[in-house]
Amino acid sequence: MVDSAQGIQVVIKALALLLLVAFAVACLQTYRLDDAKLALAQRDAADAKAQSDSQAHAGETSQSMLAWIFNAGDAYDRGKSDAKTIADRTFADLHTGNLRVRHEWEVCETSRVADSAAARSALAAAIERRNELASAAIGIGATCDAYQKSMIDAYDGVRKLVNGDGAH
């Protein structure tokens, strides 16, 4: 009986040890599960923040692009109106200038015929006015070139913004 009592005691101790090991394993698994839950919660919070930041950045970019587009549209409309005004003024100036040039050429032809001091004076004035007209025509060309460059720059700015090449 002693052997069977000792056997029962050994079995009880083995069961107690097995329960103790099982309890330790359960505590370890609970600790690891809590760590995993905490890491998952932190990752979810980081993902939510990244998504929120991304949406805010997309909204800012969208607003910035809309502002560029509207500004470019306004600049185009202003430029179109200015170009029409300049074209109308240039047409009127050219028409007036054409009449003036015809008159100047007539004066030049007349001065060739007349050899007086007054005719030479009129010829010098006509030549000076002809040079002024040529300068005005060159000035109009320069204005058109500058306007064209500003429109190309506005277009390039919008294109860069839309393509993501520009600074925000």
N, C-alpha and C. Protein backbone atom coordinates (compact mmCIF):
# COMPACT_ATOMS: atom_id res chain seq x y z
N MET A 1 0.80 -1.18 0.00
CA MET A 1 0.00 0.00 0.00
C MET A 1 0.85 1.26 0.00
N VAL A 2 1.96 1.10 0.53
CA VAL A 2 2.85 2.24 0.55
C VAL A 2 3.22 2.59 -0.87
N ASP A 3 3.41 1.58 -1.66
CA ASP A 3 3.76 1.86 -3.03
C ASP A 3 2.62 2.52 -3.77
N SER A 4 1.46 2.08 -3.50
CA SER A 4 0.32 2.69 -4.20
C SER A 4 0.07 4.08 -3.65
N ALA A 5 0.35 4.36 -2.38
CA ALA A 5 0.21 5.69 -1.82
C ALA A 5 1.28 6.59 -2.39
N GLN A 6 2.47 6.03 -2.52
CA GLN A 6 3.53 6.81 -3.12
C GLN A 6 3.24 7.06 -4.60
N GLY A 7 2.70 6.11 -5.28
CA GLY A 7 2.35 6.25 -6.70
C GLY A 7 1.28 7.31 -6.88
N ILE A 8 0.34 7.33 -5.96
CA ILE A 8 -0.73 8.33 -6.04
C ILE A 8 -0.13 9.71 -5.78
N GLN A 9 0.78 9.76 -4.81
CA GLN A 9 1.43 11.04 -4.50
C GLN A 9 2.25 11.52 -5.70
N VAL A 10 2.93 10.65 -6.38
CA VAL A 10 3.73 11.02 -7.54
C VAL A 10 2.81 11.51 -8.66
N VAL A 11 1.70 10.80 -8.83
CA VAL A 11 0.74 11.20 -9.87
C VAL A 11 0.16 12.57 -9.53
N ILE A 12 -0.16 12.79 -8.26
CA ILE A 12 -0.72 14.07 -7.82
C ILE A 12 0.31 15.17 -8.04
N LYS A 13 1.57 14.90 -7.68
CA LYS A 13 2.61 15.90 -7.88
C LYS A 13 2.82 16.17 -9.36
N ALA A 14 2.76 15.10 -10.17
CA ALA A 14 2.92 15.26 -11.62
C ALA A 14 1.77 16.08 -12.19
N LEU A 15 0.55 15.78 -11.69
CA LEU A 15 -0.62 16.55 -12.14
C LEU A 15 -0.52 17.99 -11.68
N ALA A 16 -0.06 18.23 -10.47
CA ALA A 16 0.10 19.58 -9.96
C ALA A 16 1.16 20.33 -10.78
N LEU A 17 2.25 19.62 -11.07
CA LEU A 17 3.29 20.22 -11.89
C LEU A 17 2.76 20.51 -13.30
N LEU A 18 2.00 19.56 -13.83
CA LEU A 18 1.41 19.74 -15.16
C LEU A 18 0.43 20.92 -15.15
N LEU A 19 -0.36 21.07 -14.12
CA LEU A 19 -1.28 22.21 -13.98
C LEU A 19 -0.51 23.52 -13.86
N LEU A 20 0.58 23.47 -13.11
CA LEU A 20 1.41 24.66 -12.95
C LEU A 20 2.04 25.06 -14.28
N VAL A 21 2.53 24.11 -15.05
CA VAL A 21 3.11 24.38 -16.36
C VAL A 21 2.03 24.91 -17.30
N ALA A 22 0.83 24.27 -17.25
CA ALA A 22 -0.28 24.72 -18.10
C ALA A 22 -0.69 26.15 -17.74
N PHE A 23 -0.72 26.45 -16.46
CA PHE A 23 -1.05 27.80 -16.01
C PHE A 23 0.01 28.81 -16.49
N ALA A 24 1.27 28.44 -16.39
CA ALA A 24 2.36 29.31 -16.84
C ALA A 24 2.25 29.54 -18.36
N VAL A 25 1.98 28.48 -19.10
CA VAL A 25 1.82 28.61 -20.56
C VAL A 25 0.63 29.51 -20.86
N ALA A 26 -0.48 29.33 -20.14
CA ALA A 26 -1.67 30.16 -20.36
C ALA A 26 -1.36 31.63 -20.05
N CYS A 27 -0.62 31.88 -18.98
CA CYS A 27 -0.25 33.26 -18.64
C CYS A 27 0.65 33.86 -19.72
N LEU A 28 1.60 33.07 -20.20
CA LEU A 28 2.50 33.53 -21.25
C LEU A 28 1.71 33.84 -22.53
N GLN A 29 0.79 32.98 -22.90
CA GLN A 29 -0.01 33.19 -24.11
C GLN A 29 -0.91 34.42 -23.95
N THR A 30 -1.44 34.63 -22.77
CA THR A 30 -2.27 35.81 -22.52
C THR A 30 -1.44 37.08 -22.66
N TYR A 31 -0.23 37.04 -22.12
CA TYR A 31 0.69 38.18 -22.23
C TYR A 31 1.01 38.45 -23.69
N ARG A 32 1.33 37.41 -24.47
CA ARG A 32 1.65 37.56 -25.89
C ARG A 32 0.43 38.06 -26.67
N LEU A 33 -0.75 37.57 -26.30
CA LEU A 33 -1.98 38.00 -26.96
C LEU A 33 -2.24 39.49 -26.68
N ASP A 34 -2.01 39.91 -25.44
CA ASP A 34 -2.18 41.33 -25.10
C ASP A 34 -1.19 42.19 -25.88
N ASP A 35 0.06 41.74 -26.02
CA ASP A 35 1.06 42.47 -26.80
C ASP A 35 0.64 42.56 -28.28
N ALA A 36 0.14 41.47 -28.80
CA ALA A 36 -0.30 41.46 -30.20
C ALA A 36 -1.48 42.40 -30.40
N LYS A 37 -2.42 42.41 -29.45
CA LYS A 37 -3.57 43.32 -29.55
C LYS A 37 -3.11 44.78 -29.49
N LEU A 38 -2.14 45.08 -28.62
CA LEU A 38 -1.62 46.43 -28.51
C LEU A 38 -0.91 46.84 -29.80
N ALA A 39 -0.10 45.95 -30.35
CA ALA A 39 0.60 46.26 -31.61
C ALA A 39 -0.41 46.47 -32.73
N LEU A 40 -1.45 45.66 -32.79
CA LEU A 40 -2.49 45.79 -33.81
C LEU A 40 -3.23 47.12 -33.65
N ALA A 41 -3.53 47.50 -32.42
CA ALA A 41 -4.22 48.77 -32.18
C ALA A 41 -3.33 49.95 -32.59
N GLN A 42 -2.04 49.86 -32.28
CA GLN A 42 -1.11 50.93 -32.68
C GLN A 42 -1.00 51.02 -34.21
N ARG A 43 -0.94 49.88 -34.87
CA ARG A 43 -0.87 49.88 -36.34
C ARG A 43 -2.15 50.45 -36.93
N ASP A 44 -3.31 50.08 -36.37
CA ASP A 44 -4.58 50.62 -36.86
C ASP A 44 -4.64 52.14 -36.67
N ALA A 45 -4.14 52.62 -35.54
CA ALA A 45 -4.13 54.07 -35.29
C ALA A 45 -3.21 54.77 -36.28
N ALA A 46 -2.04 54.18 -36.55
CA ALA A 46 -1.11 54.77 -37.52
C ALA A 46 -1.72 54.77 -38.93
N ASP A 47 -2.40 53.68 -39.29
CA ASP A 47 -3.07 53.61 -40.59
C ASP A 47 -4.16 54.67 -40.71
N ALA A 48 -4.94 54.84 -39.65
CA ALA A 48 -6.01 55.84 -39.67
C ALA A 48 -5.43 57.25 -39.80
N LYS A 49 -4.33 57.52 -39.08
CA LYS A 49 -3.69 58.83 -39.18
C LYS A 49 -3.14 59.06 -40.58
N ALA A 50 -2.50 58.04 -41.15
CA ALA A 50 -1.94 58.16 -42.50
C ALA A 50 -3.06 58.41 -43.52
N GLN A 51 -4.17 57.72 -43.36
CA GLN A 51 -5.30 57.92 -44.28
C GLN A 51 -5.87 59.33 -44.12
N SER A 52 -5.99 59.79 -42.89
CA SER A 52 -6.49 61.14 -42.64
C SER A 52 -5.56 62.19 -43.23
N ASP A 53 -4.25 62.00 -43.02
CA ASP A 53 -3.27 62.94 -43.59
C ASP A 53 -3.32 62.92 -45.11
N SER A 54 -3.46 61.74 -45.68
CA SER A 54 -3.52 61.61 -47.14
C SER A 54 -4.76 62.32 -47.69
N GLN A 55 -5.90 62.16 -47.04
CA GLN A 55 -7.12 62.83 -47.49
C GLN A 55 -6.99 64.35 -47.36
N ALA A 56 -6.37 64.81 -46.28
CA ALA A 56 -6.18 66.25 -46.10
C ALA A 56 -5.25 66.79 -47.18
N HIS A 57 -4.18 66.06 -47.47
CA HIS A 57 -3.24 66.50 -48.52
C HIS A 57 -3.92 66.49 -49.88
N ALA A 58 -4.73 65.49 -50.15
CA ALA A 58 -5.45 65.43 -51.43
C ALA A 58 -6.41 66.61 -51.55
N GLY A 59 -7.06 66.96 -50.47
CA GLY A 59 -7.97 68.11 -50.48
C GLY A 59 -7.22 69.41 -50.74
N GLU A 60 -6.07 69.57 -50.08
CA GLU A 60 -5.26 70.78 -50.29
C GLU A 60 -4.77 70.86 -51.73
N THR A 61 -4.31 69.73 -52.26
CA THR A 61 -3.83 69.69 -53.64
C THR A 61 -4.95 70.01 -54.61
N SER A 62 -6.12 69.47 -54.34
CA SER A 62 -7.28 69.73 -55.20
C SER A 62 -7.63 71.21 -55.18
N GLN A 63 -7.65 71.81 -54.00
CA GLN A 63 -7.95 73.24 -53.89
C GLN A 63 -6.89 74.07 -54.60
N SER A 64 -5.64 73.68 -54.44
CA SER A 64 -4.55 74.40 -55.08
C SER A 64 -4.67 74.32 -56.60
N MET A 65 -4.99 73.14 -57.12
CA MET A 65 -5.15 72.98 -58.57
C MET A 65 -6.33 73.81 -59.07
N LEU A 66 -7.43 73.81 -58.32
CA LEU A 66 -8.59 74.61 -58.74
C LEU A 66 -8.24 76.09 -58.78
N ALA A 67 -7.49 76.54 -57.78
CA ALA A 67 -7.09 77.96 -57.76
C ALA A 67 -6.23 78.28 -58.97
N TRP A 68 -5.28 77.41 -59.30
CA TRP A 68 -4.43 77.62 -60.48
C TRP A 68 -5.27 77.67 -61.75
N ILE A 69 -6.20 76.74 -61.85
CA ILE A 69 -7.03 76.66 -63.07
C ILE A 69 -7.89 77.92 -63.19
N PHE A 70 -8.52 78.34 -62.09
CA PHE A 70 -9.36 79.54 -62.16
C PHE A 70 -8.51 80.78 -62.46
N ASN A 71 -7.33 80.87 -61.85
CA ASN A 71 -6.45 82.01 -62.12
C ASN A 71 -6.01 82.01 -63.58
N ALA A 72 -5.69 80.82 -64.09
CA ALA A 72 -5.28 80.74 -65.50
C ALA A 72 -6.46 81.12 -66.40
N GLY A 73 -7.67 80.69 -66.04
CA GLY A 73 -8.85 81.06 -66.83
C GLY A 73 -9.09 82.56 -66.80
N ASP A 74 -8.95 83.15 -65.63
CA ASP A 74 -9.11 84.61 -65.53
C ASP A 74 -8.03 85.33 -66.33
N ALA A 75 -6.80 84.84 -66.23
CA ALA A 75 -5.71 85.45 -66.98
C ALA A 75 -5.96 85.32 -68.48
N TYR A 76 -6.48 84.18 -68.89
CA TYR A 76 -6.80 83.99 -70.31
C TYR A 76 -7.87 84.97 -70.75
N ASP A 77 -8.94 85.09 -69.94
CA ASP A 77 -10.02 86.03 -70.30
C ASP A 77 -9.52 87.47 -70.36
N ARG A 78 -8.71 87.85 -69.37
CA ARG A 78 -8.14 89.20 -69.39
C ARG A 78 -7.24 89.39 -70.60
N GLY A 79 -6.42 88.40 -70.87
CA GLY A 79 -5.53 88.47 -72.02
C GLY A 79 -6.30 88.53 -73.32
N LYS A 80 -7.36 87.77 -73.39
CA LYS A 80 -8.19 87.78 -74.61
C LYS A 80 -8.82 89.15 -74.80
N SER A 81 -9.35 89.72 -73.72
CA SER A 81 -9.94 91.06 -73.80
C SER A 81 -8.88 92.10 -74.16
N ASP A 82 -7.71 92.00 -73.49
CA ASP A 82 -6.62 92.94 -73.78
C ASP A 82 -6.15 92.80 -75.23
N ALA A 83 -6.07 91.56 -75.70
CA ALA A 83 -5.63 91.33 -77.08
C ALA A 83 -6.62 91.94 -78.07
N LYS A 84 -7.92 91.80 -77.77
CA LYS A 84 -8.92 92.38 -78.67
C LYS A 84 -8.81 93.90 -78.67
N THR A 85 -8.63 94.48 -77.48
CA THR A 85 -8.47 95.93 -77.39
C THR A 85 -7.23 96.39 -78.16
N ILE A 86 -6.14 95.66 -77.95
CA ILE A 86 -4.90 96.01 -78.65
C ILE A 86 -5.06 95.84 -80.16
N ALA A 87 -5.73 94.75 -80.55
CA ALA A 87 -5.93 94.51 -81.98
C ALA A 87 -6.79 95.61 -82.61
N ASP A 88 -7.85 96.00 -81.90
CA ASP A 88 -8.71 97.07 -82.43
C ASP A 88 -7.93 98.38 -82.53
N ARG A 89 -7.18 98.69 -81.47
CA ARG A 89 -6.39 99.91 -81.47
C ARG A 89 -5.31 99.86 -82.56
N THR A 90 -4.68 98.69 -82.68
CA THR A 90 -3.64 98.53 -83.70
C THR A 90 -4.24 98.67 -85.10
N PHE A 91 -5.42 98.08 -85.30
CA PHE A 91 -6.07 98.21 -86.61
C PHE A 91 -6.35 99.68 -86.92
N ALA A 92 -6.89 100.39 -85.93
CA ALA A 92 -7.18 101.81 -86.15
C ALA A 92 -5.88 102.58 -86.41
N ASP A 93 -4.85 102.26 -85.61
CA ASP A 93 -3.56 102.94 -85.80
C ASP A 93 -2.97 102.62 -87.17
N LEU A 94 -3.07 101.37 -87.56
CA LEU A 94 -2.53 100.98 -88.86
C LEU A 94 -3.29 101.66 -90.00
N HIS A 95 -4.60 101.73 -89.85
CA HIS A 95 -5.39 102.39 -90.89
C HIS A 95 -5.00 103.87 -90.99
N THR A 96 -4.93 104.51 -89.81
CA THR A 96 -4.51 105.91 -89.78
C THR A 96 -3.07 106.03 -90.28
N GLY A 97 -2.23 105.12 -89.83
CA GLY A 97 -0.84 105.13 -90.24
C GLY A 97 -0.69 104.89 -91.74
N ASN A 98 -1.53 104.04 -92.29
CA ASN A 98 -1.50 103.77 -93.72
C ASN A 98 -1.79 105.06 -94.51
N LEU A 99 -2.83 105.75 -94.04
CA LEU A 99 -3.14 107.01 -94.70
C LEU A 99 -2.00 108.01 -94.55
N ARG A 100 -1.40 108.04 -93.36
CA ARG A 100 -0.30 108.96 -93.11
C ARG A 100 0.92 108.59 -93.97
N VAL A 101 1.20 107.28 -94.07
CA VAL A 101 2.34 106.84 -94.87
C VAL A 101 2.13 107.20 -96.34
N ARG A 102 0.90 107.03 -96.82
CA ARG A 102 0.62 107.41 -98.21
C ARG A 102 0.91 108.89 -98.42
N HIS A 103 0.46 109.65 -97.43
CA HIS A 103 0.71 111.09 -97.52
C HIS A 103 2.21 111.38 -97.49
N GLU A 104 2.93 110.66 -96.59
CA GLU A 104 4.37 110.87 -96.46
C GLU A 104 5.09 110.52 -97.77
N TRP A 105 4.68 109.43 -98.39
CA TRP A 105 5.32 109.05 -99.66
C TRP A 105 5.04 110.10 -100.74
N GLU A 106 3.81 110.62 -100.67
CA GLU A 106 3.49 111.69 -101.63
C GLU A 106 4.39 112.89 -101.40
N VAL A 107 4.61 113.20 -100.10
CA VAL A 107 5.51 114.32 -99.78
C VAL A 107 6.91 114.02 -100.28
N CYS A 108 7.34 112.75 -100.09
CA CYS A 108 8.68 112.37 -100.56
C CYS A 108 8.78 112.56 -102.08
N GLU A 109 7.76 112.10 -102.77
CA GLU A 109 7.77 112.24 -104.23
C GLU A 109 7.74 113.72 -104.63
N THR A 110 6.93 114.50 -103.92
CA THR A 110 6.84 115.92 -104.22
C THR A 110 8.16 116.60 -103.95
N SER A 111 8.83 116.18 -102.85
CA SER A 111 10.09 116.82 -102.52
C SER A 111 11.16 116.51 -103.53
N ARG A 112 11.06 115.38 -104.19
CA ARG A 112 12.03 115.08 -105.23
C ARG A 112 11.87 116.06 -106.40
N VAL A 113 10.61 116.40 -106.61
CA VAL A 113 10.33 117.32 -107.71
C VAL A 113 10.73 118.73 -107.31
N ALA A 114 10.33 119.14 -106.12
CA ALA A 114 10.65 120.49 -105.67
C ALA A 114 11.98 120.45 -104.96
N ASP A 115 12.83 121.40 -105.23
CA ASP A 115 14.16 121.38 -104.66
C ASP A 115 14.35 122.55 -103.71
N SER A 116 13.32 122.89 -103.03
CA SER A 116 13.43 124.04 -102.14
C SER A 116 13.81 123.59 -100.73
N ALA A 117 14.18 124.54 -99.89
CA ALA A 117 14.55 124.25 -98.50
C ALA A 117 13.34 123.73 -97.73
N ALA A 118 12.16 124.25 -98.01
CA ALA A 118 10.94 123.80 -97.32
C ALA A 118 10.65 122.34 -97.67
N ALA A 119 10.86 121.96 -98.90
CA ALA A 119 10.62 120.59 -99.32
C ALA A 119 11.59 119.65 -98.62
N ARG A 120 12.84 120.06 -98.48
CA ARG A 120 13.83 119.22 -97.78
C ARG A 120 13.45 119.07 -96.30
N SER A 121 12.93 120.13 -95.72
CA SER A 121 12.47 120.08 -94.33
C SER A 121 11.30 119.12 -94.18
N ALA A 122 10.36 119.20 -95.10
CA ALA A 122 9.21 118.30 -95.08
C ALA A 122 9.67 116.86 -95.28
N LEU A 123 10.65 116.65 -96.13
CA LEU A 123 11.18 115.32 -96.37
C LEU A 123 11.82 114.76 -95.09
N ALA A 124 12.59 115.56 -94.39
CA ALA A 124 13.22 115.12 -93.14
C ALA A 124 12.16 114.76 -92.11
N ALA A 125 11.11 115.58 -92.02
CA ALA A 125 10.01 115.29 -91.08
C ALA A 125 9.30 114.01 -91.48
N ALA A 126 9.11 113.80 -92.78
CA ALA A 126 8.44 112.59 -93.25
C ALA A 126 9.28 111.35 -92.92
N ILE A 127 10.57 111.46 -93.10
CA ILE A 127 11.45 110.33 -92.80
C ILE A 127 11.41 110.04 -91.30
N GLU A 128 11.41 111.08 -90.51
CA GLU A 128 11.34 110.89 -89.05
C GLU A 128 10.02 110.22 -88.66
N ARG A 129 8.91 110.66 -89.23
CA ARG A 129 7.61 110.05 -88.92
C ARG A 129 7.57 108.60 -89.40
N ARG A 130 8.17 108.32 -90.55
CA ARG A 130 8.22 106.94 -91.05
C ARG A 130 8.99 106.06 -90.08
N ASN A 131 10.09 106.57 -89.54
CA ASN A 131 10.87 105.81 -88.55
C ASN A 131 10.07 105.59 -87.27
N GLU A 132 9.30 106.59 -86.85
CA GLU A 132 8.46 106.45 -85.66
C GLU A 132 7.39 105.38 -85.88
N LEU A 133 6.81 105.34 -87.07
CA LEU A 133 5.82 104.31 -87.38
C LEU A 133 6.45 102.92 -87.35
N ALA A 134 7.63 102.81 -87.88
CA ALA A 134 8.32 101.52 -87.86
C ALA A 134 8.61 101.10 -86.41
N SER A 135 9.02 102.05 -85.57
CA SER A 135 9.28 101.76 -84.15
C SER A 135 8.00 101.32 -83.45
N ALA A 136 6.89 101.97 -83.76
CA ALA A 136 5.61 101.59 -83.15
C ALA A 136 5.23 100.17 -83.55
N ALA A 137 5.44 99.81 -84.81
CA ALA A 137 5.13 98.45 -85.26
C ALA A 137 5.99 97.43 -84.52
N ILE A 138 7.25 97.74 -84.32
CA ILE A 138 8.14 96.84 -83.58
C ILE A 138 7.68 96.72 -82.13
N GLY A 139 7.24 97.83 -81.54
CA GLY A 139 6.74 97.81 -80.16
C GLY A 139 5.51 96.92 -80.02
N ILE A 140 4.63 96.98 -80.99
CA ILE A 140 3.43 96.12 -80.95
C ILE A 140 3.85 94.66 -81.02
N GLY A 141 4.81 94.35 -81.85
CA GLY A 141 5.31 92.97 -81.93
C GLY A 141 5.89 92.50 -80.61
N ALA A 142 6.63 93.36 -79.96
CA ALA A 142 7.23 93.00 -78.66
C ALA A 142 6.15 92.77 -77.61
N THR A 143 5.10 93.58 -77.63
CA THR A 143 3.98 93.41 -76.69
C THR A 143 3.30 92.06 -76.92
N CYS A 144 3.08 91.72 -78.17
CA CYS A 144 2.46 90.43 -78.50
C CYS A 144 3.34 89.28 -78.03
N ASP A 145 4.65 89.39 -78.22
CA ASP A 145 5.56 88.35 -77.77
C ASP A 145 5.51 88.18 -76.26
N ALA A 146 5.47 89.29 -75.53
CA ALA A 146 5.42 89.24 -74.06
C ALA A 146 4.11 88.60 -73.59
N TYR A 147 3.02 88.94 -74.24
CA TYR A 147 1.73 88.36 -73.87
C TYR A 147 1.73 86.86 -74.14
N GLN A 148 2.26 86.46 -75.28
CA GLN A 148 2.32 85.05 -75.61
C GLN A 148 3.16 84.30 -74.57
N LYS A 149 4.28 84.86 -74.15
CA LYS A 149 5.13 84.22 -73.15
C LYS A 149 4.40 84.08 -71.82
N SER A 150 3.62 85.09 -71.41
CA SER A 150 2.90 85.01 -70.14
C SER A 150 1.83 83.92 -70.20
N MET A 151 1.19 83.75 -71.33
CA MET A 151 0.17 82.70 -71.46
C MET A 151 0.83 81.31 -71.43
N ILE A 152 1.97 81.17 -72.07
CA ILE A 152 2.68 79.89 -72.05
C ILE A 152 3.14 79.58 -70.63
N ASP A 153 3.63 80.58 -69.90
CA ASP A 153 4.06 80.36 -68.52
C ASP A 153 2.88 79.94 -67.64
N ALA A 154 1.72 80.56 -67.82
CA ALA A 154 0.53 80.19 -67.04
C ALA A 154 0.13 78.75 -67.35
N TYR A 155 0.16 78.40 -68.62
CA TYR A 155 -0.18 77.03 -69.02
C TYR A 155 0.80 76.03 -68.41
N ASP A 156 2.09 76.33 -68.48
CA ASP A 156 3.10 75.43 -67.93
C ASP A 156 2.92 75.28 -66.42
N GLY A 157 2.57 76.38 -65.73
CA GLY A 157 2.36 76.30 -64.28
C GLY A 157 1.21 75.37 -63.93
N VAL A 158 0.10 75.46 -64.65
CA VAL A 158 -1.06 74.59 -64.40
C VAL A 158 -0.68 73.15 -64.73
N ARG A 159 0.02 72.94 -65.85
CA ARG A 159 0.40 71.59 -66.25
C ARG A 159 1.31 70.95 -65.20
N LYS A 160 2.26 71.72 -64.67
CA LYS A 160 3.16 71.19 -63.64
C LYS A 160 2.39 70.82 -62.39
N LEU A 161 1.43 71.67 -62.02
CA LEU A 161 0.65 71.41 -60.81
C LEU A 161 -0.20 70.15 -61.00
N VAL A 162 -0.82 70.03 -62.16
CA VAL A 162 -1.67 68.86 -62.42
C VAL A 162 -0.82 67.59 -62.46
N ASN A 163 0.37 67.66 -63.02
CA ASN A 163 1.24 66.49 -63.12
C ASN A 163 2.02 66.21 -61.84
N GLY A 164 1.92 67.10 -60.86
CA GLY A 164 2.62 66.90 -59.60
C GLY A 164 4.06 67.32 -59.63
N ASP A 165 4.45 68.10 -60.64
CA ASP A 165 5.85 68.54 -60.75
C ASP A 165 6.11 69.82 -59.96
N GLY A 166 5.06 70.56 -59.60
CA GLY A 166 5.24 71.87 -58.96
C GLY A 166 5.28 71.77 -57.46
N ALA A 167 5.76 72.82 -56.82
CA ALA A 167 5.76 72.91 -55.35
C ALA A 167 4.38 73.31 -54.89
N HIS A 168 4.01 72.86 -53.69
CA HIS A 168 2.65 73.15 -53.19
C HIS A 168 2.67 74.32 -52.27
